[in-house]
Amino acid sequence: MAYFRRMTNKVDQLLKLLTKKDRWLILFNADPDALASAMALKRIMARRVETVSLAMVNDVTRPDNMAMIRYLQIPVRKLSPPLAAQYDKFALVDSQPHHHPDLERYSFSIVIDHHPQDRNKPVQAPFTEIQPKYGANSSLMMELLYNLGLRPGKHLATALLYGIKTDTHSFEQSFHDVDIRAFRYLSKLTDHLILRKIVRSEYRVEWLQYFSQAFKKMRLFGDGLTVFLGEVDSTDILVVLADFFQRVHDISWDLVSGTSGNKLVVIFRGDGIKTDMGNLAQKLFGEYGKAGGKQSMARAEIPLDALDEEHPQQFIWERLQSCRMLPKSHNPSKNKSPQA
């Protein structure tokens, strides 16, 4: 029995698209899984096309992402019209065209992803490989490499393994047997010293002030915790803090929120047992802006205009009270000490 599924027809279909005369640009929304997937596709295309480059549609601000790019020497640039004009073929990994406005502008020849498809926005490309049951797109890329007889070098193996680790949350979130097999295969090829450097790059120095603020502003309610930070320089710190509080014993859910620009951003985290965070986000804020996610993690982004001049903190509290996540008697405007 093969270690990975056989993809003979898919591989043949993919290779037919790669000719020496073409210039390819691989696009993605940068995170560890996407960066690793782009590296893997570039490895597949190498020596089969005239040139291939990587471009991201977002800005990289998370320390682990920056460390990954630095230590694994990933040659990625920010997507721009002048850059795109230098290429005649486009590929997309770990995403679908409708996931980002900048991606919708391009006609893709290759789309490789592990997110569920939207029935109203089907992916159309000469080559598509979409496996929504996979926990990480890096696992899918490892399957393709394996079927092509390509053994990833240390940097690529490290990137793919870290992509699987982050997207499955170290196998605490949904994952597939393929994710486990890919992780096991890659662990023998990974540079674990570099991996350790990347994993430990969690915080930026300028973020430490927000930890101090969060400890002062946090409010405990039973097995839950909420924090409103006010204006933040980057919404990444909200994600970092929400993940941090999930490591506290007896905290089964937390909401960390703040404003950035003209938006209120709320990050949801939970243990995935009592409350579905994705459903909760949609229930609380779906009618006001973008909201949704998974069983244990979710996000909401609400334009401040939608608050009708109500204070963001009060806006959040009233909706939490409406679904009985908080006691009706609580008034966030009063400076109370945390209560268990």
C-alpha atoms as a PDB file:
ATOM      1  CA  MET A   1       0.000   0.000   0.000  1.00  0.00           C
ATOM      2  CA  ALA A   2       1.391   3.412  -0.974  1.00  0.00           C
ATOM      3  CA  TYR A   3       2.284   5.846   1.810  1.00  0.00           C
ATOM      4  CA  PHE A   4       0.135   8.512   0.123  1.00  0.00           C
ATOM      5  CA  ARG A   5      -2.768   8.154  -2.324  1.00  0.00           C
ATOM      6  CA  ARG A   6      -1.859   7.766  -5.971  1.00  0.00           C
ATOM      7  CA  MET A   7      -2.493  10.904  -8.004  1.00  0.00           C
ATOM      8  CA  THR A   8      -1.311   9.772 -11.443  1.00  0.00           C
ATOM      9  CA  ASN A   9      -4.056  11.508 -13.425  1.00  0.00           C
ATOM     10  CA  LYS A  10      -3.757  14.705 -11.400  1.00  0.00           C
ATOM     11  CA  VAL A  11       0.011  14.782 -11.768  1.00  0.00           C
ATOM     12  CA  ASP A  12      -0.213  14.277 -15.536  1.00  0.00           C
ATOM     13  CA  GLN A  13      -2.807  17.044 -15.745  1.00  0.00           C
ATOM     14  CA  LEU A  14      -0.598  19.393 -13.748  1.00  0.00           C
ATOM     15  CA  LEU A  15       2.589  18.705 -15.697  1.00  0.00           C
ATOM     16  CA  LYS A  16       0.868  19.351 -19.037  1.00  0.00           C
ATOM     17  CA  LEU A  17       0.339  22.951 -17.918  1.00  0.00           C
ATOM     18  CA  LEU A  18       4.034  23.546 -17.247  1.00  0.00           C
ATOM     19  CA  THR A  19       6.007  24.566 -20.327  1.00  0.00           C
ATOM     20  CA  LYS A  20       9.419  26.172 -20.708  1.00  0.00           C
ATOM     21  CA  LYS A  21       8.033  29.328 -22.300  1.00  0.00           C
ATOM     22  CA  ASP A  22       5.748  30.344 -19.397  1.00  0.00           C
ATOM     23  CA  ARG A  23       6.388  32.789 -16.573  1.00  0.00           C
ATOM     24  CA  TRP A  24       4.449  31.829 -13.429  1.00  0.00           C
ATOM     25  CA  LEU A  25       3.447  33.834 -10.380  1.00  0.00           C
ATOM     26  CA  ILE A  26       2.183  31.885  -7.351  1.00  0.00           C
ATOM     27  CA  LEU A  27      -0.244  33.931  -5.259  1.00  0.00           C
ATOM     28  CA  PHE A  28      -1.445  33.395  -1.695  1.00  0.00           C
ATOM     29  CA  ASN A  29      -2.600  35.035   1.513  1.00  0.00           C
ATOM     30  CA  ALA A  30       0.524  34.630   3.605  1.00  0.00           C
ATOM     31  CA  ASP A  31       0.474  32.420   6.679  1.00  0.00           C
ATOM     32  CA  PRO A  32       2.711  29.416   7.466  1.00  0.00           C
ATOM     33  CA  ASP A  33       0.571  26.909   5.545  1.00  0.00           C
ATOM     34  CA  ALA A  34       0.307  29.173   2.501  1.00  0.00           C
ATOM     35  CA  LEU A  35       4.020  30.042   2.493  1.00  0.00           C
ATOM     36  CA  ALA A  36       4.940  26.354   2.676  1.00  0.00           C
ATOM     37  CA  SER A  37       2.457  25.442  -0.070  1.00  0.00           C
ATOM     38  CA  ALA A  38       3.838  28.142  -2.354  1.00  0.00           C
ATOM     39  CA  MET A  39       7.383  26.889  -1.753  1.00  0.00           C
ATOM     40  CA  ALA A  40       6.296  23.350  -2.631  1.00  0.00           C
ATOM     41  CA  LEU A  41       4.582  24.397  -5.861  1.00  0.00           C
ATOM     42  CA  LYS A  42       7.646  26.411  -6.833  1.00  0.00           C
ATOM     43  CA  ARG A  43       9.749  23.265  -6.275  1.00  0.00           C
ATOM     44  CA  ILE A  44       7.413  21.343  -8.596  1.00  0.00           C
ATOM     45  CA  MET A  45       7.610  24.050 -11.267  1.00  0.00           C
ATOM     46  CA  ALA A  46      11.376  24.508 -11.048  1.00  0.00           C
ATOM     47  CA  ARG A  47      13.187  23.589 -14.315  1.00  0.00           C
ATOM     48  CA  ARG A  48       9.833  22.982 -15.993  1.00  0.00           C
ATOM     49  CA  VAL A  49       8.983  26.630 -16.692  1.00  0.00           C
ATOM     50  CA  GLU A  50      10.914  29.736 -17.690  1.00  0.00           C
ATOM     51  CA  THR A  51      10.549  31.374 -14.288  1.00  0.00           C
ATOM     52  CA  VAL A  52       8.386  31.158 -11.169  1.00  0.00           C
ATOM     53  CA  SER A  53       7.985  33.655  -8.309  1.00  0.00           C
ATOM     54  CA  LEU A  54       5.940  34.037  -5.129  1.00  0.00           C
ATOM     55  CA  ALA A  55       3.640  36.951  -4.240  1.00  0.00           C
ATOM     56  CA  MET A  56       1.404  37.559  -1.227  1.00  0.00           C
ATOM     57  CA  VAL A  57      -1.711  39.710  -1.111  1.00  0.00           C
ATOM     58  CA  ASN A  58      -1.348  40.632   2.565  1.00  0.00           C
ATOM     59  CA  ASP A  59       1.296  42.242   4.756  1.00  0.00           C
ATOM     60  CA  VAL A  60       3.278  39.923   7.006  1.00  0.00           C
ATOM     61  CA  THR A  61       3.247  41.190  10.602  1.00  0.00           C
ATOM     62  CA  ARG A  62       3.085  38.045  12.750  1.00  0.00           C
ATOM     63  CA  PRO A  63       6.510  37.241  14.272  1.00  0.00           C
ATOM     64  CA  ASP A  64       6.353  33.543  13.372  1.00  0.00           C
ATOM     65  CA  ASN A  65       5.575  34.375   9.743  1.00  0.00           C
ATOM     66  CA  MET A  66       8.446  36.861   9.580  1.00  0.00           C
ATOM     67  CA  ALA A  67      10.783  34.347  11.223  1.00  0.00           C
ATOM     68  CA  MET A  68       9.684  31.661   8.768  1.00  0.00           C
ATOM     69  CA  ILE A  69      10.447  33.897   5.777  1.00  0.00           C
ATOM     70  CA  ARG A  70      13.790  34.919   7.265  1.00  0.00           C
ATOM     71  CA  TYR A  71      15.163  31.577   8.451  1.00  0.00           C
ATOM     72  CA  LEU A  72      13.884  29.546   5.499  1.00  0.00           C
ATOM     73  CA  GLN A  73      14.963  32.244   3.010  1.00  0.00           C
ATOM     74  CA  ILE A  74      11.602  32.399   1.241  1.00  0.00           C
ATOM     75  CA  PRO A  75      11.792  34.822  -1.734  1.00  0.00           C
ATOM     76  CA  VAL A  76       8.335  36.384  -1.461  1.00  0.00           C
ATOM     77  CA  ARG A  77       7.165  39.840  -2.546  1.00  0.00           C
ATOM     78  CA  LYS A  78       3.991  41.835  -2.054  1.00  0.00           C
ATOM     79  CA  LEU A  79       1.591  41.560  -4.991  1.00  0.00           C
ATOM     80  CA  SER A  80       1.237  44.688  -7.106  1.00  0.00           C
ATOM     81  CA  PRO A  81       0.001  45.380 -10.658  1.00  0.00           C
ATOM     82  CA  PRO A  82       3.536  46.125 -11.951  1.00  0.00           C
ATOM     83  CA  LEU A  83       4.783  42.832 -10.487  1.00  0.00           C
ATOM     84  CA  ALA A  84       1.875  40.808 -11.892  1.00  0.00           C
ATOM     85  CA  ALA A  85       2.387  42.353 -15.339  1.00  0.00           C
ATOM     86  CA  GLN A  86       5.725  40.517 -15.604  1.00  0.00           C
ATOM     87  CA  TYR A  87       3.999  37.104 -15.637  1.00  0.00           C
ATOM     88  CA  ASP A  88       1.616  35.348 -18.001  1.00  0.00           C
ATOM     89  CA  LYS A  89       0.380  32.449 -15.837  1.00  0.00           C
ATOM     90  CA  PHE A  90      -0.985  32.502 -12.290  1.00  0.00           C
ATOM     91  CA  ALA A  91      -1.360  29.830  -9.609  1.00  0.00           C
ATOM     92  CA  LEU A  92      -3.138  30.039  -6.269  1.00  0.00           C
ATOM     93  CA  VAL A  93      -2.434  27.956  -3.144  1.00  0.00           C
ATOM     94  CA  ASP A  94      -4.187  27.611   0.209  1.00  0.00           C
ATOM     95  CA  SER A  95      -6.978  29.904  -0.947  1.00  0.00           C
ATOM     96  CA  GLN A  96      -9.673  30.453  -3.566  1.00  0.00           C
ATOM     97  CA  PRO A  97     -10.173  33.529  -5.769  1.00  0.00           C
ATOM     98  CA  HIS A  98     -13.207  34.824  -3.859  1.00  0.00           C
ATOM     99  CA  HIS A  99     -11.312  34.750  -0.536  1.00  0.00           C
ATOM    100  CA  HIS A 100      -9.622  38.095  -1.201  1.00  0.00           C
ATOM    101  CA  PRO A 101     -10.481  41.064  -3.465  1.00  0.00           C
ATOM    102  CA  ASP A 102      -6.962  41.174  -4.905  1.00  0.00           C
ATOM    103  CA  LEU A 103      -7.220  37.525  -5.972  1.00  0.00           C
ATOM    104  CA  GLU A 104     -10.470  38.002  -7.855  1.00  0.00           C
ATOM    105  CA  ARG A 105      -8.676  40.137 -10.435  1.00  0.00           C
ATOM    106  CA  TYR A 106      -6.688  37.238 -11.856  1.00  0.00           C
ATOM    107  CA  SER A 107      -7.469  34.226 -14.002  1.00  0.00           C
ATOM    108  CA  PHE A 108      -5.787  31.217 -12.411  1.00  0.00           C
ATOM    109  CA  SER A 109      -4.495  28.185 -14.258  1.00  0.00           C
ATOM    110  CA  ILE A 110      -3.821  26.273 -11.026  1.00  0.00           C
ATOM    111  CA  VAL A 111      -5.756  26.316  -7.743  1.00  0.00           C
ATOM    112  CA  ILE A 112      -4.707  24.020  -4.878  1.00  0.00           C
ATOM    113  CA  ASP A 113      -6.586  24.436  -1.609  1.00  0.00           C
ATOM    114  CA  HIS A 114      -8.046  22.683   1.444  1.00  0.00           C
ATOM    115  CA  HIS A 115     -10.883  25.075   2.314  1.00  0.00           C
ATOM    116  CA  PRO A 116     -14.517  24.174   1.557  1.00  0.00           C
ATOM    117  CA  GLN A 117     -15.874  25.437  -1.752  1.00  0.00           C
ATOM    118  CA  ASP A 118     -18.673  27.955  -1.953  1.00  0.00           C
ATOM    119  CA  ARG A 119     -21.445  26.560  -4.152  1.00  0.00           C
ATOM    120  CA  ASN A 120     -22.220  30.062  -5.355  1.00  0.00           C
ATOM    121  CA  LYS A 121     -18.589  30.745  -6.258  1.00  0.00           C
ATOM    122  CA  PRO A 122     -17.160  27.558  -7.787  1.00  0.00           C
ATOM    123  CA  VAL A 123     -13.452  27.481  -8.524  1.00  0.00           C
ATOM    124  CA  GLN A 124     -12.744  27.428 -12.251  1.00  0.00           C
ATOM    125  CA  ALA A 125      -9.246  26.655 -13.511  1.00  0.00           C
ATOM    126  CA  PRO A 126      -7.584  24.160 -15.896  1.00  0.00           C
ATOM    127  CA  PHE A 127      -6.138  22.430 -12.816  1.00  0.00           C
ATOM    128  CA  THR A 128      -7.896  22.318  -9.457  1.00  0.00           C
ATOM    129  CA  GLU A 129      -7.202  20.117  -6.460  1.00  0.00           C
ATOM    130  CA  ILE A 130      -9.329  20.956  -3.431  1.00  0.00           C
ATOM    131  CA  GLN A 131      -9.451  18.693  -0.378  1.00  0.00           C
ATOM    132  CA  PRO A 132     -11.588  20.305   2.372  1.00  0.00           C
ATOM    133  CA  LYS A 133     -11.159  17.314   4.692  1.00  0.00           C
ATOM    134  CA  TYR A 134      -7.430  17.967   4.985  1.00  0.00           C
ATOM    135  CA  GLY A 135      -6.305  19.950   8.009  1.00  0.00           C
ATOM    136  CA  ALA A 136      -3.496  21.661   6.112  1.00  0.00           C
ATOM    137  CA  ASN A 137      -2.793  22.501   2.496  1.00  0.00           C
ATOM    138  CA  SER A 138       0.836  21.552   3.178  1.00  0.00           C
ATOM    139  CA  SER A 139      -0.279  17.922   3.484  1.00  0.00           C
ATOM    140  CA  LEU A 140      -1.831  18.103   0.021  1.00  0.00           C
ATOM    141  CA  MET A 141       1.370  19.612  -1.371  1.00  0.00           C
ATOM    142  CA  MET A 142       3.388  16.803   0.244  1.00  0.00           C
ATOM    143  CA  GLU A 143       1.168  14.289  -1.555  1.00  0.00           C
ATOM    144  CA  LEU A 144       1.890  15.974  -4.883  1.00  0.00           C
ATOM    145  CA  LEU A 145       5.638  16.043  -4.205  1.00  0.00           C
ATOM    146  CA  TYR A 146       5.556  12.364  -3.268  1.00  0.00           C
ATOM    147  CA  ASN A 147       3.676  11.414  -6.421  1.00  0.00           C
ATOM    148  CA  LEU A 148       6.202  13.350  -8.498  1.00  0.00           C
ATOM    149  CA  GLY A 149       9.095  11.554  -6.827  1.00  0.00           C
ATOM    150  CA  LEU A 150      10.394  14.814  -5.346  1.00  0.00           C
ATOM    151  CA  ARG A 151      11.948  14.651  -1.897  1.00  0.00           C
ATOM    152  CA  PRO A 152      11.766  18.045  -0.147  1.00  0.00           C
ATOM    153  CA  GLY A 153      15.021  19.583   1.040  1.00  0.00           C
ATOM    154  CA  LYS A 154      15.466  20.726   4.646  1.00  0.00           C
ATOM    155  CA  HIS A 155      14.022  24.202   4.194  1.00  0.00           C
ATOM    156  CA  LEU A 156      10.979  23.004   2.276  1.00  0.00           C
ATOM    157  CA  ALA A 157      10.401  20.083   4.663  1.00  0.00           C
ATOM    158  CA  THR A 158      10.617  22.456   7.642  1.00  0.00           C
ATOM    159  CA  ALA A 159       8.136  24.841   6.039  1.00  0.00           C
ATOM    160  CA  LEU A 160       5.642  22.071   5.209  1.00  0.00           C
ATOM    161  CA  LEU A 161       5.841  20.527   8.657  1.00  0.00           C
ATOM    162  CA  TYR A 162       5.316  23.927  10.293  1.00  0.00           C
ATOM    163  CA  GLY A 163       2.396  24.578   7.956  1.00  0.00           C
ATOM    164  CA  ILE A 164       0.745  21.359   9.128  1.00  0.00           C
ATOM    165  CA  LYS A 165       1.525  22.146  12.756  1.00  0.00           C
ATOM    166  CA  THR A 166      -0.058  25.605  12.614  1.00  0.00           C
ATOM    167  CA  ASP A 167      -3.168  24.779  10.577  1.00  0.00           C
ATOM    168  CA  THR A 168      -4.048  21.730  12.697  1.00  0.00           C
ATOM    169  CA  HIS A 169      -3.022  23.556  15.887  1.00  0.00           C
ATOM    170  CA  SER A 170      -0.621  20.716  16.645  1.00  0.00           C
ATOM    171  CA  PHE A 171      -3.405  18.224  15.849  1.00  0.00           C
ATOM    172  CA  GLU A 172      -5.790  19.730  18.385  1.00  0.00           C
ATOM    173  CA  GLN A 173      -8.100  20.917  15.565  1.00  0.00           C
ATOM    174  CA  SER A 174      -9.677  18.994  12.692  1.00  0.00           C
ATOM    175  CA  PHE A 175      -7.197  16.893  10.761  1.00  0.00           C
ATOM    176  CA  HIS A 176      -7.052  13.964   8.343  1.00  0.00           C
ATOM    177  CA  ASP A 177      -4.980  10.801   8.299  1.00  0.00           C
ATOM    178  CA  VAL A 178      -2.994  12.389   5.456  1.00  0.00           C
ATOM    179  CA  ASP A 179      -1.940  15.217   7.792  1.00  0.00           C
ATOM    180  CA  ILE A 180      -0.502  12.668  10.219  1.00  0.00           C
ATOM    181  CA  ARG A 181       1.312  10.730   7.495  1.00  0.00           C
ATOM    182  CA  ALA A 182       2.730  13.905   5.972  1.00  0.00           C
ATOM    183  CA  PHE A 183       3.882  15.169   9.379  1.00  0.00           C
ATOM    184  CA  ARG A 184       5.585  11.853  10.138  1.00  0.00           C
ATOM    185  CA  TYR A 185       7.266  11.760   6.728  1.00  0.00           C
ATOM    186  CA  LEU A 186       8.485  15.366   6.973  1.00  0.00           C
ATOM    187  CA  SER A 187       9.724  15.109  10.564  1.00  0.00           C
ATOM    188  CA  LYS A 188      12.687  13.036   9.366  1.00  0.00           C
ATOM    189  CA  LEU A 189      13.695  15.712   6.839  1.00  0.00           C
ATOM    190  CA  THR A 190      13.040  18.840   8.919  1.00  0.00           C
ATOM    191  CA  ASP A 191      15.715  21.133  10.337  1.00  0.00           C
ATOM    192  CA  HIS A 192      14.483  21.089  13.934  1.00  0.00           C
ATOM    193  CA  LEU A 193      16.851  23.854  15.080  1.00  0.00           C
ATOM    194  CA  ILE A 194      15.323  26.271  12.567  1.00  0.00           C
ATOM    195  CA  LEU A 195      11.842  25.012  13.402  1.00  0.00           C
ATOM    196  CA  ARG A 196      12.451  25.778  17.089  1.00  0.00           C
ATOM    197  CA  LYS A 197      13.518  29.337  16.232  1.00  0.00           C
ATOM    198  CA  ILE A 198      10.347  29.879  14.215  1.00  0.00           C
ATOM    199  CA  VAL A 199       8.030  28.377  16.834  1.00  0.00           C
ATOM    200  CA  ARG A 200       9.523  30.514  19.599  1.00  0.00           C
ATOM    201  CA  SER A 201       9.058  33.732  17.602  1.00  0.00           C
ATOM    202  CA  GLU A 202       5.620  34.436  19.058  1.00  0.00           C
ATOM    203  CA  TYR A 203       5.754  38.014  20.279  1.00  0.00           C
ATOM    204  CA  ARG A 204       7.089  41.380  19.179  1.00  0.00           C
ATOM    205  CA  VAL A 205       8.648  43.749  21.721  1.00  0.00           C
ATOM    206  CA  GLU A 206       6.075  46.455  21.005  1.00  0.00           C
ATOM    207  CA  TRP A 207       3.280  43.995  21.859  1.00  0.00           C
ATOM    208  CA  LEU A 208       4.350  43.571  25.483  1.00  0.00           C
ATOM    209  CA  GLN A 209       2.501  46.742  26.498  1.00  0.00           C
ATOM    210  CA  TYR A 210      -0.764  45.117  25.389  1.00  0.00           C
ATOM    211  CA  PHE A 211      -0.215  42.164  27.715  1.00  0.00           C
ATOM    212  CA  SER A 212      -0.003  44.578  30.636  1.00  0.00           C
ATOM    213  CA  GLN A 213      -3.192  46.316  29.490  1.00  0.00           C
ATOM    214  CA  ALA A 214      -4.999  43.001  28.983  1.00  0.00           C
ATOM    215  CA  PHE A 215      -4.201  41.786  32.498  1.00  0.00           C
ATOM    216  CA  LYS A 216      -5.637  45.008  33.939  1.00  0.00           C
ATOM    217  CA  LYS A 217      -8.740  45.064  31.730  1.00  0.00           C
ATOM    218  CA  MET A 218      -9.675  41.381  31.660  1.00  0.00           C
ATOM    219  CA  ARG A 219     -12.982  40.339  33.195  1.00  0.00           C
ATOM    220  CA  LEU A 220     -13.666  36.775  34.324  1.00  0.00           C
ATOM    221  CA  PHE A 221     -17.150  35.264  34.241  1.00  0.00           C
ATOM    222  CA  GLY A 222     -17.378  31.663  35.340  1.00  0.00           C
ATOM    223  CA  ASP A 223     -15.174  29.742  32.923  1.00  0.00           C
ATOM    224  CA  GLY A 224     -15.001  32.629  30.421  1.00  0.00           C
ATOM    225  CA  LEU A 225     -12.926  35.747  29.983  1.00  0.00           C
ATOM    226  CA  THR A 226     -13.329  38.965  28.012  1.00  0.00           C
ATOM    227  CA  VAL A 227     -10.952  41.808  27.240  1.00  0.00           C
ATOM    228  CA  PHE A 228     -11.531  45.048  25.340  1.00  0.00           C
ATOM    229  CA  LEU A 229      -8.234  46.778  24.525  1.00  0.00           C
ATOM    230  CA  GLY A 230      -9.476  49.875  22.729  1.00  0.00           C
ATOM    231  CA  GLU A 231      -7.405  51.073  19.755  1.00  0.00           C
ATOM    232  CA  VAL A 232      -4.581  48.719  18.745  1.00  0.00           C
ATOM    233  CA  ASP A 233      -1.767  49.156  16.240  1.00  0.00           C
ATOM    234  CA  SER A 234      -2.301  45.679  14.798  1.00  0.00           C
ATOM    235  CA  THR A 235      -5.171  43.237  15.168  1.00  0.00           C
ATOM    236  CA  ASP A 236      -2.555  40.463  15.322  1.00  0.00           C
ATOM    237  CA  ILE A 237      -2.122  41.236  19.028  1.00  0.00           C
ATOM    238  CA  LEU A 238      -5.788  40.371  19.580  1.00  0.00           C
ATOM    239  CA  VAL A 239      -5.182  36.917  18.108  1.00  0.00           C
ATOM    240  CA  VAL A 240      -2.018  36.444  20.174  1.00  0.00           C
ATOM    241  CA  LEU A 241      -3.801  37.371  23.408  1.00  0.00           C
ATOM    242  CA  ALA A 242      -6.855  35.248  22.630  1.00  0.00           C
ATOM    243  CA  ASP A 243      -4.594  32.231  22.086  1.00  0.00           C
ATOM    244  CA  PHE A 244      -2.617  33.072  25.235  1.00  0.00           C
ATOM    245  CA  PHE A 245      -5.696  33.116  27.484  1.00  0.00           C
ATOM    246  CA  GLN A 246      -6.729  29.674  26.220  1.00  0.00           C
ATOM    247  CA  ARG A 247      -3.638  28.344  27.961  1.00  0.00           C
ATOM    248  CA  VAL A 248      -4.978  29.460  31.353  1.00  0.00           C
ATOM    249  CA  HIS A 249      -6.399  26.630  33.457  1.00  0.00           C
ATOM    250  CA  ASP A 250     -10.201  26.686  33.826  1.00  0.00           C
ATOM    251  CA  ILE A 251     -10.712  29.174  30.966  1.00  0.00           C
ATOM    252  CA  SER A 252     -12.923  27.424  28.390  1.00  0.00           C
ATOM    253  CA  TRP A 253     -13.653  30.485  26.215  1.00  0.00           C
ATOM    254  CA  ASP A 254     -12.375  34.014  25.730  1.00  0.00           C
ATOM    255  CA  LEU A 255     -13.137  37.066  23.603  1.00  0.00           C
ATOM    256  CA  VAL A 256     -10.417  39.614  22.946  1.00  0.00           C
ATOM    257  CA  SER A 257     -11.483  42.744  21.112  1.00  0.00           C
ATOM    258  CA  GLY A 258     -10.192  46.115  19.989  1.00  0.00           C
ATOM    259  CA  THR A 259     -10.580  48.756  17.338  1.00  0.00           C
ATOM    260  CA  SER A 260      -8.295  49.332  14.382  1.00  0.00           C
ATOM    261  CA  GLY A 261      -8.943  52.052  11.853  1.00  0.00           C
ATOM    262  CA  ASN A 262     -12.681  52.132  11.264  1.00  0.00           C
ATOM    263  CA  LYS A 263     -13.402  48.575  12.449  1.00  0.00           C
ATOM    264  CA  LEU A 264     -14.175  46.743  15.654  1.00  0.00           C
ATOM    265  CA  VAL A 265     -12.438  43.362  15.646  1.00  0.00           C
ATOM    266  CA  VAL A 266     -13.442  40.545  17.998  1.00  0.00           C
ATOM    267  CA  ILE A 267     -11.390  37.357  18.299  1.00  0.00           C
ATOM    268  CA  PHE A 268     -13.127  34.271  19.715  1.00  0.00           C
ATOM    269  CA  ARG A 269     -11.367  31.274  21.226  1.00  0.00           C
ATOM    270  CA  GLY A 270     -12.866  28.249  22.969  1.00  0.00           C
ATOM    271  CA  ASP A 271     -12.142  24.686  24.006  1.00  0.00           C
ATOM    272  CA  GLY A 272     -14.594  23.420  21.379  1.00  0.00           C
ATOM    273  CA  ILE A 273     -16.662  21.542  23.969  1.00  0.00           C
ATOM    274  CA  LYS A 274     -19.398  23.762  25.379  1.00  0.00           C
ATOM    275  CA  THR A 275     -19.780  26.465  22.742  1.00  0.00           C
ATOM    276  CA  ASP A 276     -19.237  26.595  18.992  1.00  0.00           C
ATOM    277  CA  MET A 277     -17.255  29.825  18.546  1.00  0.00           C
ATOM    278  CA  GLY A 278     -18.063  30.083  14.843  1.00  0.00           C
ATOM    279  CA  ASN A 279     -21.790  29.904  15.489  1.00  0.00           C
ATOM    280  CA  LEU A 280     -21.469  32.305  18.411  1.00  0.00           C
ATOM    281  CA  ALA A 281     -19.639  34.896  16.298  1.00  0.00           C
ATOM    282  CA  GLN A 282     -22.299  34.676  13.610  1.00  0.00           C
ATOM    283  CA  LYS A 283     -25.118  34.882  16.154  1.00  0.00           C
ATOM    284  CA  LEU A 284     -23.657  37.923  17.929  1.00  0.00           C
ATOM    285  CA  PHE A 285     -22.335  39.988  15.054  1.00  0.00           C
ATOM    286  CA  GLY A 286     -23.415  38.447  11.744  1.00  0.00           C
ATOM    287  CA  GLU A 287     -26.007  41.146  11.094  1.00  0.00           C
ATOM    288  CA  TYR A 288     -23.470  43.944  11.672  1.00  0.00           C
ATOM    289  CA  GLY A 289     -20.434  42.791   9.691  1.00  0.00           C
ATOM    290  CA  LYS A 290     -18.285  39.786   8.789  1.00  0.00           C
ATOM    291  CA  ALA A 291     -18.450  37.035  11.404  1.00  0.00           C
ATOM    292  CA  GLY A 292     -17.798  33.310  11.520  1.00  0.00           C
ATOM    293  CA  GLY A 293     -15.229  30.616  12.087  1.00  0.00           C
ATOM    294  CA  LYS A 294     -14.747  27.118  13.435  1.00  0.00           C
ATOM    295  CA  GLN A 295     -15.779  25.215  16.568  1.00  0.00           C
ATOM    296  CA  SER A 296     -12.929  26.568  18.672  1.00  0.00           C
ATOM    297  CA  MET A 297     -11.961  29.802  16.916  1.00  0.00           C
ATOM    298  CA  ALA A 298     -13.729  32.626  15.165  1.00  0.00           C
ATOM    299  CA  ARG A 299     -13.474  36.278  14.210  1.00  0.00           C
ATOM    300  CA  ALA A 300     -15.822  39.195  13.698  1.00  0.00           C
ATOM    301  CA  GLU A 301     -15.116  42.504  11.973  1.00  0.00           C
ATOM    302  CA  ILE A 302     -17.740  45.213  12.355  1.00  0.00           C
ATOM    303  CA  PRO A 303     -17.570  48.716  10.827  1.00  0.00           C
ATOM    304  CA  LEU A 304     -17.701  51.294  13.616  1.00  0.00           C
ATOM    305  CA  ASP A 305     -20.467  53.051  11.692  1.00  0.00           C
ATOM    306  CA  ALA A 306     -22.692  50.031  12.364  1.00  0.00           C
ATOM    307  CA  LEU A 307     -22.488  50.682  16.122  1.00  0.00           C
ATOM    308  CA  ASP A 308     -24.643  53.815  15.801  1.00  0.00           C
ATOM    309  CA  GLU A 309     -22.306  55.798  18.105  1.00  0.00           C
ATOM    310  CA  GLU A 310     -22.539  53.154  20.829  1.00  0.00           C
ATOM    311  CA  HIS A 311     -19.232  52.519  22.622  1.00  0.00           C
ATOM    312  CA  PRO A 312     -17.600  49.358  21.177  1.00  0.00           C
ATOM    313  CA  GLN A 313     -17.175  47.765  24.582  1.00  0.00           C
ATOM    314  CA  GLN A 314     -20.810  48.365  25.509  1.00  0.00           C
ATOM    315  CA  PHE A 315     -21.856  47.036  22.080  1.00  0.00           C
ATOM    316  CA  ILE A 316     -20.019  43.768  22.733  1.00  0.00           C
ATOM    317  CA  TRP A 317     -21.300  43.383  26.284  1.00  0.00           C
ATOM    318  CA  GLU A 318     -24.924  43.876  25.389  1.00  0.00           C
ATOM    319  CA  ARG A 319     -24.743  41.164  22.763  1.00  0.00           C
ATOM    320  CA  LEU A 320     -22.956  38.778  25.101  1.00  0.00           C
ATOM    321  CA  GLN A 321     -25.634  39.377  27.688  1.00  0.00           C
ATOM    322  CA  SER A 322     -28.364  38.760  25.131  1.00  0.00           C
ATOM    323  CA  CYS A 323     -27.098  35.210  24.578  1.00  0.00           C
ATOM    324  CA  ARG A 324     -26.504  34.665  28.295  1.00  0.00           C
ATOM    325  CA  MET A 325     -22.724  34.527  28.044  1.00  0.00           C
ATOM    326  CA  LEU A 326     -22.568  37.268  30.737  1.00  0.00           C
ATOM    327  CA  PRO A 327     -24.759  38.173  33.728  1.00  0.00           C
ATOM    328  CA  LYS A 328     -27.370  40.859  33.071  1.00  0.00           C
ATOM    329  CA  SER A 329     -26.223  42.860  36.087  1.00  0.00           C
ATOM    330  CA  HIS A 330     -22.769  43.621  34.718  1.00  0.00           C
ATOM    331  CA  ASN A 331     -22.014  47.169  33.590  1.00  0.00           C
ATOM    332  CA  PRO A 332     -18.696  47.471  31.734  1.00  0.00           C
ATOM    333  CA  SER A 333     -18.555  51.199  32.345  1.00  0.00           C
ATOM    334  CA  LYS A 334     -17.913  50.578  36.040  1.00  0.00           C
ATOM    335  CA  ASN A 335     -14.366  49.768  37.025  1.00  0.00           C
ATOM    336  CA  LYS A 336     -14.905  46.462  38.801  1.00  0.00           C
ATOM    337  CA  SER A 337     -12.241  43.991  39.738  1.00  0.00           C
ATOM    338  CA  PRO A 338     -12.324  40.618  37.963  1.00  0.00           C
ATOM    339  CA  GLN A 339     -14.811  38.174  39.385  1.00  0.00           C
ATOM    340  CA  ALA A 340     -14.818  34.406  39.120  1.00  0.00           C
END
